[in-house]
Amino acid sequence: MRPKRRAAAELGVAQATVHYTFGTKEELYRAVMEQLTQDLVAQVERAAPTDASFEDTIATLAEALWHTVLEQPASHQLLTELSMFALRTPHLQEALHAHQRDISAVTTKLIGEAAERTGHRLAQPAETIARFFLAGFDGLTMQHLSLPDEEAEEACMRALIAAVLAMA
């Protein structure tokens, strides 16, 4: 089934409605990426503690994001698939860049806010720490999606958090 037809069927609306709203399948994919990203970011931001140490705040945020992988693997799989598709599709590359910039900006902001709130002086720029965390997180997510191993994932997530804290 074609993307717009499938989307229309899932939404219970006419295919013409999907076409009118999104125009092209690239615009539909862009909208899906944006919505999934907004939903995941909102879930993590809601988990941000207001009175914890820097270390506990970073661990809580990382664990909250990891819970989205465990609870909503289809969302992360779809984001991964759309990201790979966007790498090969010139009309979607800007959407992918925007997605990556947004995720990096939110992660940088959360790290910076945690440092400021707790008086923690960062050893590296918050953006560098955010990029490092996201690179490791993306790898763990891909491993979970392709070959889940709960015990190994927990150990790797603890190691990633420890590495991020050492870097910070």
N, C-alpha and C. Protein backbone atom coordinates (compact mmCIF):
# COMPACT_ATOMS: atom_id res chain seq x y z
N MET A 1 0.85 -1.17 0.00
CA MET A 1 0.00 0.00 0.00
C MET A 1 0.90 1.25 0.00
N ARG A 2 0.55 2.24 -0.78
CA ARG A 2 1.32 3.47 -0.91
C ARG A 2 1.26 4.28 0.39
N PRO A 3 2.29 5.12 0.66
CA PRO A 3 2.36 5.84 1.93
C PRO A 3 1.11 6.67 2.25
N LYS A 4 0.63 7.44 1.29
CA LYS A 4 -0.54 8.28 1.57
C LYS A 4 -1.79 7.44 1.77
N ARG A 5 -1.95 6.40 0.97
CA ARG A 5 -3.10 5.52 1.11
C ARG A 5 -3.06 4.84 2.48
N ARG A 6 -1.89 4.38 2.88
CA ARG A 6 -1.72 3.72 4.17
C ARG A 6 -2.01 4.70 5.31
N ALA A 7 -1.49 5.92 5.19
CA ALA A 7 -1.73 6.93 6.23
C ALA A 7 -3.21 7.26 6.32
N ALA A 8 -3.86 7.39 5.18
CA ALA A 8 -5.29 7.69 5.18
C ALA A 8 -6.08 6.57 5.84
N ALA A 9 -5.72 5.34 5.53
CA ALA A 9 -6.41 4.19 6.12
C ALA A 9 -6.20 4.17 7.64
N GLU A 10 -4.96 4.43 8.09
CA GLU A 10 -4.67 4.44 9.53
C GLU A 10 -5.46 5.54 10.23
N LEU A 11 -5.59 6.70 9.58
CA LEU A 11 -6.27 7.83 10.18
C LEU A 11 -7.79 7.76 10.02
N GLY A 12 -8.25 6.90 9.12
CA GLY A 12 -9.68 6.81 8.87
C GLY A 12 -10.22 8.00 8.11
N VAL A 13 -9.39 8.56 7.22
CA VAL A 13 -9.81 9.70 6.41
C VAL A 13 -9.59 9.37 4.93
N ALA A 14 -10.14 10.21 4.07
CA ALA A 14 -9.96 10.02 2.63
C ALA A 14 -8.51 10.32 2.24
N GLN A 15 -8.01 9.60 1.25
CA GLN A 15 -6.65 9.82 0.77
C GLN A 15 -6.47 11.26 0.31
N ALA A 16 -7.52 11.84 -0.24
CA ALA A 16 -7.45 13.23 -0.70
C ALA A 16 -7.17 14.18 0.46
N THR A 17 -7.66 13.87 1.64
CA THR A 17 -7.40 14.69 2.82
C THR A 17 -5.92 14.68 3.16
N VAL A 18 -5.32 13.51 3.10
CA VAL A 18 -3.88 13.39 3.38
C VAL A 18 -3.10 14.15 2.32
N HIS A 19 -3.50 14.00 1.05
CA HIS A 19 -2.80 14.70 -0.03
C HIS A 19 -2.94 16.21 0.13
N TYR A 20 -4.14 16.69 0.46
CA TYR A 20 -4.38 18.12 0.63
C TYR A 20 -3.55 18.66 1.80
N THR A 21 -3.48 17.91 2.90
CA THR A 21 -2.78 18.36 4.10
C THR A 21 -1.28 18.36 3.92
N PHE A 22 -0.73 17.33 3.29
CA PHE A 22 0.72 17.18 3.22
C PHE A 22 1.31 17.41 1.84
N GLY A 23 0.52 17.36 0.79
CA GLY A 23 1.03 17.59 -0.56
C GLY A 23 1.83 16.42 -1.09
N THR A 24 3.05 16.24 -0.62
CA THR A 24 3.90 15.17 -1.11
C THR A 24 4.16 14.16 0.01
N LYS A 25 4.63 12.99 -0.39
CA LYS A 25 4.94 11.99 0.63
C LYS A 25 6.12 12.46 1.47
N GLU A 26 7.02 13.27 0.87
CA GLU A 26 8.13 13.81 1.64
C GLU A 26 7.63 14.72 2.77
N GLU A 27 6.60 15.52 2.47
CA GLU A 27 6.03 16.39 3.51
C GLU A 27 5.34 15.56 4.59
N LEU A 28 4.72 14.47 4.19
CA LEU A 28 4.11 13.56 5.17
C LEU A 28 5.20 12.97 6.06
N TYR A 29 6.29 12.51 5.47
CA TYR A 29 7.39 11.94 6.25
C TYR A 29 7.98 12.99 7.19
N ARG A 30 8.14 14.20 6.69
CA ARG A 30 8.67 15.30 7.51
C ARG A 30 7.75 15.54 8.72
N ALA A 31 6.47 15.56 8.50
CA ALA A 31 5.51 15.79 9.58
C ALA A 31 5.55 14.66 10.62
N VAL A 32 5.71 13.44 10.13
CA VAL A 32 5.80 12.29 11.05
C VAL A 32 7.06 12.40 11.89
N MET A 33 8.18 12.73 11.26
CA MET A 33 9.43 12.89 12.01
C MET A 33 9.31 13.97 13.07
N GLU A 34 8.72 15.09 12.69
CA GLU A 34 8.56 16.21 13.62
C GLU A 34 7.67 15.82 14.80
N GLN A 35 6.56 15.16 14.51
CA GLN A 35 5.63 14.79 15.58
C GLN A 35 6.24 13.76 16.52
N LEU A 36 6.88 12.74 15.98
CA LEU A 36 7.53 11.73 16.82
C LEU A 36 8.59 12.37 17.71
N THR A 37 9.37 13.26 17.12
CA THR A 37 10.42 13.94 17.88
C THR A 37 9.82 14.78 19.00
N GLN A 38 8.78 15.56 18.69
CA GLN A 38 8.13 16.38 19.72
C GLN A 38 7.58 15.53 20.85
N ASP A 39 6.97 14.41 20.51
CA ASP A 39 6.41 13.53 21.54
C ASP A 39 7.49 12.96 22.45
N LEU A 40 8.59 12.50 21.87
CA LEU A 40 9.68 11.93 22.66
C LEU A 40 10.34 12.99 23.53
N VAL A 41 10.57 14.17 22.98
CA VAL A 41 11.18 15.26 23.74
C VAL A 41 10.28 15.64 24.92
N ALA A 42 8.99 15.73 24.68
CA ALA A 42 8.07 16.10 25.76
C ALA A 42 8.11 15.08 26.90
N GLN A 43 8.20 13.81 26.56
CA GLN A 43 8.26 12.77 27.59
C GLN A 43 9.52 12.91 28.43
N VAL A 44 10.63 13.20 27.80
CA VAL A 44 11.89 13.34 28.53
C VAL A 44 11.87 14.61 29.37
N GLU A 45 11.40 15.71 28.80
CA GLU A 45 11.36 16.97 29.55
C GLU A 45 10.48 16.86 30.79
N ARG A 46 9.40 16.11 30.70
CA ARG A 46 8.52 15.92 31.88
C ARG A 46 9.25 15.17 32.99
N ALA A 47 10.23 14.36 32.65
CA ALA A 47 10.96 13.58 33.65
C ALA A 47 12.08 14.37 34.32
N ALA A 48 12.38 15.56 33.82
CA ALA A 48 13.50 16.34 34.35
C ALA A 48 13.26 16.71 35.81
N PRO A 49 14.14 16.26 36.70
CA PRO A 49 13.98 16.62 38.11
C PRO A 49 14.33 18.09 38.34
N THR A 50 13.76 18.68 39.36
CA THR A 50 14.01 20.09 39.65
C THR A 50 14.89 20.29 40.87
N ASP A 51 15.15 19.21 41.60
CA ASP A 51 15.91 19.37 42.85
C ASP A 51 17.00 18.30 43.03
N ALA A 52 17.40 17.66 41.97
CA ALA A 52 18.40 16.60 42.06
C ALA A 52 19.78 17.15 41.72
N SER A 53 20.81 16.40 42.07
CA SER A 53 22.18 16.77 41.71
C SER A 53 22.34 16.71 40.19
N PHE A 54 23.45 17.26 39.71
CA PHE A 54 23.73 17.20 38.28
C PHE A 54 23.78 15.75 37.81
N GLU A 55 24.51 14.93 38.54
CA GLU A 55 24.68 13.52 38.17
C GLU A 55 23.34 12.79 38.13
N ASP A 56 22.52 13.00 39.16
CA ASP A 56 21.21 12.34 39.20
C ASP A 56 20.28 12.86 38.11
N THR A 57 20.40 14.15 37.79
CA THR A 57 19.57 14.72 36.72
C THR A 57 19.92 14.09 35.38
N ILE A 58 21.21 13.99 35.07
CA ILE A 58 21.63 13.41 33.80
C ILE A 58 21.19 11.95 33.72
N ALA A 59 21.38 11.22 34.81
CA ALA A 59 20.97 9.80 34.82
C ALA A 59 19.46 9.68 34.63
N THR A 60 18.68 10.53 35.28
CA THR A 60 17.22 10.49 35.17
C THR A 60 16.78 10.79 33.75
N LEU A 61 17.38 11.79 33.13
CA LEU A 61 17.02 12.14 31.75
C LEU A 61 17.38 11.02 30.78
N ALA A 62 18.57 10.45 30.94
CA ALA A 62 18.99 9.34 30.06
C ALA A 62 18.06 8.15 30.23
N GLU A 63 17.72 7.82 31.47
CA GLU A 63 16.83 6.70 31.73
C GLU A 63 15.43 6.96 31.18
N ALA A 64 14.96 8.21 31.29
CA ALA A 64 13.64 8.54 30.75
C ALA A 64 13.63 8.35 29.23
N LEU A 65 14.70 8.78 28.57
CA LEU A 65 14.77 8.59 27.12
C LEU A 65 14.85 7.11 26.78
N TRP A 66 15.61 6.34 27.55
CA TRP A 66 15.72 4.91 27.29
C TRP A 66 14.36 4.22 27.47
N HIS A 67 13.58 4.68 28.44
CA HIS A 67 12.24 4.10 28.64
C HIS A 67 11.35 4.32 27.41
N THR A 68 11.57 5.42 26.69
CA THR A 68 10.78 5.61 25.46
C THR A 68 11.14 4.54 24.43
N VAL A 69 12.41 4.11 24.42
CA VAL A 69 12.82 3.04 23.50
C VAL A 69 12.13 1.73 23.90
N LEU A 70 12.15 1.44 25.19
CA LEU A 70 11.56 0.19 25.67
C LEU A 70 10.04 0.17 25.53
N GLU A 71 9.40 1.31 25.76
CA GLU A 71 7.94 1.38 25.74
C GLU A 71 7.37 1.67 24.35
N GLN A 72 8.16 2.30 23.50
CA GLN A 72 7.68 2.69 22.17
C GLN A 72 8.70 2.35 21.10
N PRO A 73 9.08 1.10 21.00
CA PRO A 73 10.11 0.75 20.00
C PRO A 73 9.68 1.08 18.58
N ALA A 74 8.41 1.00 18.29
CA ALA A 74 7.95 1.29 16.93
C ALA A 74 8.22 2.74 16.56
N SER A 75 8.09 3.65 17.51
CA SER A 75 8.38 5.07 17.23
C SER A 75 9.86 5.26 16.90
N HIS A 76 10.73 4.62 17.67
CA HIS A 76 12.16 4.74 17.40
C HIS A 76 12.55 4.04 16.11
N GLN A 77 11.91 2.93 15.81
CA GLN A 77 12.19 2.25 14.55
C GLN A 77 11.76 3.12 13.37
N LEU A 78 10.58 3.72 13.49
CA LEU A 78 10.11 4.58 12.41
C LEU A 78 11.02 5.79 12.23
N LEU A 79 11.46 6.40 13.32
CA LEU A 79 12.41 7.52 13.20
C LEU A 79 13.71 7.08 12.53
N THR A 80 14.19 5.90 12.91
CA THR A 80 15.42 5.38 12.30
C THR A 80 15.21 5.14 10.81
N GLU A 81 14.10 4.51 10.44
CA GLU A 81 13.83 4.24 9.03
C GLU A 81 13.67 5.52 8.23
N LEU A 82 12.95 6.49 8.79
CA LEU A 82 12.78 7.76 8.08
C LEU A 82 14.11 8.50 7.96
N SER A 83 14.95 8.40 8.98
CA SER A 83 16.26 9.04 8.92
C SER A 83 17.11 8.43 7.81
N MET A 84 17.11 7.11 7.72
CA MET A 84 17.88 6.44 6.66
C MET A 84 17.32 6.79 5.28
N PHE A 85 16.00 6.83 5.17
CA PHE A 85 15.37 7.21 3.91
C PHE A 85 15.74 8.65 3.54
N ALA A 86 15.76 9.53 4.54
CA ALA A 86 16.07 10.94 4.30
C ALA A 86 17.51 11.12 3.82
N LEU A 87 18.41 10.26 4.26
CA LEU A 87 19.79 10.35 3.80
C LEU A 87 19.90 10.14 2.29
N ARG A 88 18.96 9.37 1.73
CA ARG A 88 18.98 9.05 0.30
C ARG A 88 18.02 9.92 -0.52
N THR A 89 17.29 10.81 0.16
CA THR A 89 16.25 11.58 -0.51
C THR A 89 16.53 13.07 -0.37
N PRO A 90 16.99 13.71 -1.44
CA PRO A 90 17.37 15.13 -1.34
C PRO A 90 16.29 16.03 -0.73
N HIS A 91 15.03 15.78 -1.03
CA HIS A 91 13.95 16.62 -0.51
C HIS A 91 13.75 16.46 0.99
N LEU A 92 14.28 15.39 1.56
CA LEU A 92 14.11 15.14 3.00
C LEU A 92 15.37 15.42 3.81
N GLN A 93 16.48 15.70 3.15
CA GLN A 93 17.72 15.90 3.89
C GLN A 93 17.62 17.08 4.84
N GLU A 94 16.95 18.15 4.45
CA GLU A 94 16.80 19.29 5.36
C GLU A 94 15.93 18.91 6.56
N ALA A 95 14.93 18.08 6.35
CA ALA A 95 14.11 17.62 7.47
C ALA A 95 14.95 16.79 8.45
N LEU A 96 15.83 15.96 7.90
CA LEU A 96 16.72 15.17 8.75
C LEU A 96 17.68 16.08 9.51
N HIS A 97 18.25 17.06 8.82
CA HIS A 97 19.15 18.00 9.49
C HIS A 97 18.41 18.76 10.59
N ALA A 98 17.19 19.19 10.31
CA ALA A 98 16.39 19.90 11.32
C ALA A 98 16.11 18.99 12.51
N HIS A 99 15.78 17.74 12.23
CA HIS A 99 15.52 16.77 13.30
C HIS A 99 16.76 16.63 14.18
N GLN A 100 17.91 16.43 13.57
CA GLN A 100 19.15 16.26 14.33
C GLN A 100 19.50 17.53 15.11
N ARG A 101 19.31 18.69 14.48
CA ARG A 101 19.58 19.96 15.18
C ARG A 101 18.66 20.12 16.38
N ASP A 102 17.38 19.78 16.20
CA ASP A 102 16.41 19.92 17.30
C ASP A 102 16.75 19.00 18.47
N ILE A 103 17.05 17.75 18.16
CA ILE A 103 17.40 16.78 19.21
C ILE A 103 18.67 17.23 19.93
N SER A 104 19.65 17.67 19.18
CA SER A 104 20.90 18.14 19.78
C SER A 104 20.67 19.39 20.62
N ALA A 105 19.84 20.31 20.13
CA ALA A 105 19.57 21.54 20.87
C ALA A 105 18.84 21.26 22.18
N VAL A 106 17.87 20.37 22.14
CA VAL A 106 17.13 20.04 23.37
C VAL A 106 18.05 19.35 24.37
N THR A 107 18.88 18.42 23.90
CA THR A 107 19.80 17.71 24.79
C THR A 107 20.81 18.69 25.37
N THR A 108 21.33 19.58 24.54
CA THR A 108 22.27 20.60 25.01
C THR A 108 21.61 21.49 26.06
N LYS A 109 20.38 21.89 25.80
CA LYS A 109 19.65 22.75 26.74
C LYS A 109 19.45 22.05 28.08
N LEU A 110 19.04 20.78 28.05
CA LEU A 110 18.80 20.05 29.29
C LEU A 110 20.09 19.88 30.10
N ILE A 111 21.19 19.60 29.42
CA ILE A 111 22.48 19.47 30.10
C ILE A 111 22.90 20.82 30.69
N GLY A 112 22.79 21.87 29.91
CA GLY A 112 23.15 23.21 30.37
C GLY A 112 22.30 23.66 31.55
N GLU A 113 21.00 23.42 31.46
CA GLU A 113 20.10 23.79 32.57
C GLU A 113 20.43 23.01 33.84
N ALA A 114 20.74 21.73 33.70
CA ALA A 114 21.09 20.92 34.87
C ALA A 114 22.38 21.45 35.50
N ALA A 115 23.35 21.79 34.68
CA ALA A 115 24.62 22.32 35.21
C ALA A 115 24.39 23.66 35.91
N GLU A 116 23.62 24.52 35.29
CA GLU A 116 23.36 25.84 35.87
C GLU A 116 22.57 25.72 37.18
N ARG A 117 21.56 24.89 37.19
CA ARG A 117 20.72 24.73 38.39
C ARG A 117 21.50 24.18 39.56
N THR A 118 22.44 23.30 39.28
CA THR A 118 23.19 22.64 40.35
C THR A 118 24.54 23.29 40.64
N GLY A 119 24.94 24.28 39.83
CA GLY A 119 26.24 24.92 40.01
C GLY A 119 27.40 24.06 39.52
N HIS A 120 27.09 23.08 38.67
CA HIS A 120 28.13 22.20 38.13
C HIS A 120 28.84 22.90 36.98
N ARG A 121 30.15 22.99 37.07
CA ARG A 121 30.94 23.59 35.99
C ARG A 121 31.29 22.51 34.99
N LEU A 122 30.82 22.64 33.77
CA LEU A 122 31.07 21.64 32.73
C LEU A 122 32.51 21.69 32.25
N ALA A 123 33.11 20.52 32.10
CA ALA A 123 34.49 20.42 31.60
C ALA A 123 34.55 20.55 30.08
N GLN A 124 33.44 20.29 29.42
CA GLN A 124 33.32 20.39 27.96
C GLN A 124 32.07 21.22 27.67
N PRO A 125 31.97 21.81 26.49
CA PRO A 125 30.73 22.51 26.14
C PRO A 125 29.53 21.55 26.18
N ALA A 126 28.39 22.06 26.62
CA ALA A 126 27.18 21.23 26.71
C ALA A 126 26.85 20.59 25.36
N GLU A 127 27.11 21.30 24.27
CA GLU A 127 26.82 20.75 22.93
C GLU A 127 27.68 19.53 22.63
N THR A 128 28.94 19.56 23.03
CA THR A 128 29.83 18.42 22.81
C THR A 128 29.36 17.22 23.63
N ILE A 129 28.99 17.47 24.87
CA ILE A 129 28.49 16.40 25.74
C ILE A 129 27.20 15.82 25.15
N ALA A 130 26.33 16.68 24.66
CA ALA A 130 25.06 16.24 24.06
C ALA A 130 25.31 15.36 22.84
N ARG A 131 26.21 15.78 21.96
CA ARG A 131 26.51 14.99 20.77
C ARG A 131 27.07 13.62 21.13
N PHE A 132 27.95 13.59 22.12
CA PHE A 132 28.52 12.33 22.58
C PHE A 132 27.42 11.41 23.12
N PHE A 133 26.57 11.96 23.97
CA PHE A 133 25.48 11.16 24.53
C PHE A 133 24.58 10.62 23.41
N LEU A 134 24.18 11.48 22.50
CA LEU A 134 23.27 11.07 21.43
C LEU A 134 23.88 10.01 20.53
N ALA A 135 25.18 10.11 20.27
CA ALA A 135 25.85 9.10 19.44
C ALA A 135 25.78 7.74 20.12
N GLY A 136 26.08 7.70 21.40
CA GLY A 136 25.99 6.44 22.14
C GLY A 136 24.58 5.94 22.26
N PHE A 137 23.66 6.85 22.51
CA PHE A 137 22.25 6.47 22.65
C PHE A 137 21.71 5.89 21.35
N ASP A 138 22.04 6.53 20.23
CA ASP A 138 21.57 6.02 18.94
C ASP A 138 22.09 4.60 18.69
N GLY A 139 23.34 4.35 19.06
CA GLY A 139 23.90 3.01 18.91
C GLY A 139 23.18 1.99 19.78
N LEU A 140 22.90 2.35 21.04
CA LEU A 140 22.17 1.44 21.92
C LEU A 140 20.76 1.19 21.41
N THR A 141 20.14 2.22 20.87
CA THR A 141 18.78 2.07 20.33
C THR A 141 18.80 1.09 19.15
N MET A 142 19.77 1.24 18.25
CA MET A 142 19.86 0.35 17.10
C MET A 142 20.10 -1.08 17.55
N GLN A 143 20.94 -1.27 18.56
CA GLN A 143 21.18 -2.61 19.07
C GLN A 143 19.91 -3.20 19.67
N HIS A 144 19.17 -2.38 20.41
CA HIS A 144 17.92 -2.87 21.01
C HIS A 144 16.92 -3.27 19.93
N LEU A 145 16.83 -2.46 18.89
CA LEU A 145 15.86 -2.75 17.83
C LEU A 145 16.24 -3.99 17.03
N SER A 146 17.54 -4.22 16.86
CA SER A 146 17.96 -5.33 16.01
C SER A 146 18.27 -6.61 16.77
N LEU A 147 18.76 -6.50 18.01
CA LEU A 147 19.11 -7.69 18.78
C LEU A 147 18.98 -7.38 20.27
N PRO A 148 17.75 -7.36 20.78
CA PRO A 148 17.54 -6.97 22.18
C PRO A 148 18.23 -7.91 23.16
N ASP A 149 18.80 -7.31 24.20
CA ASP A 149 19.45 -8.04 25.28
C ASP A 149 19.37 -7.14 26.51
N GLU A 150 18.33 -7.33 27.32
CA GLU A 150 18.04 -6.42 28.42
C GLU A 150 19.22 -6.24 29.37
N GLU A 151 19.87 -7.33 29.72
CA GLU A 151 20.99 -7.25 30.66
C GLU A 151 22.15 -6.43 30.09
N ALA A 152 22.50 -6.71 28.86
CA ALA A 152 23.58 -5.97 28.21
C ALA A 152 23.21 -4.50 28.02
N GLU A 153 21.95 -4.25 27.67
CA GLU A 153 21.50 -2.87 27.46
C GLU A 153 21.58 -2.06 28.75
N GLU A 154 21.18 -2.66 29.87
CA GLU A 154 21.26 -1.96 31.15
C GLU A 154 22.70 -1.62 31.49
N ALA A 155 23.61 -2.58 31.28
CA ALA A 155 25.03 -2.34 31.56
C ALA A 155 25.58 -1.24 30.63
N CYS A 156 25.21 -1.29 29.38
CA CYS A 156 25.69 -0.30 28.42
C CYS A 156 25.13 1.08 28.73
N MET A 157 23.87 1.16 29.14
CA MET A 157 23.28 2.46 29.49
C MET A 157 23.99 3.04 30.71
N ARG A 158 24.28 2.21 31.72
CA ARG A 158 25.02 2.70 32.89
C ARG A 158 26.41 3.20 32.47
N ALA A 159 27.06 2.47 31.57
CA ALA A 159 28.38 2.87 31.09
C ALA A 159 28.31 4.18 30.30
N LEU A 160 27.28 4.32 29.49
CA LEU A 160 27.11 5.56 28.72
C LEU A 160 26.90 6.74 29.66
N ILE A 161 26.05 6.57 30.66
CA ILE A 161 25.81 7.65 31.63
C ILE A 161 27.11 7.99 32.35
N ALA A 162 27.86 6.98 32.77
CA ALA A 162 29.13 7.21 33.46
C ALA A 162 30.11 7.96 32.56
N ALA A 163 30.16 7.60 31.30
CA ALA A 163 31.06 8.27 30.35
C ALA A 163 30.64 9.72 30.14
N VAL A 164 29.35 9.96 30.03
CA VAL A 164 28.85 11.32 29.87
C VAL A 164 29.20 12.16 31.10
N LEU A 165 29.00 11.58 32.28
CA LEU A 165 29.31 12.30 33.52
C LEU A 165 30.82 12.56 33.64
N ALA A 166 31.63 11.60 33.23
CA ALA A 166 33.09 11.82 33.26
C ALA A 166 33.48 12.93 32.30
N MET A 167 32.84 12.97 31.16
CA MET A 167 33.12 14.00 30.17
C MET A 167 32.68 15.37 30.67
N ALA A 168 31.60 15.39 31.42
CA ALA A 168 31.03 16.65 31.92
C ALA A 168 31.85 17.19 33.08
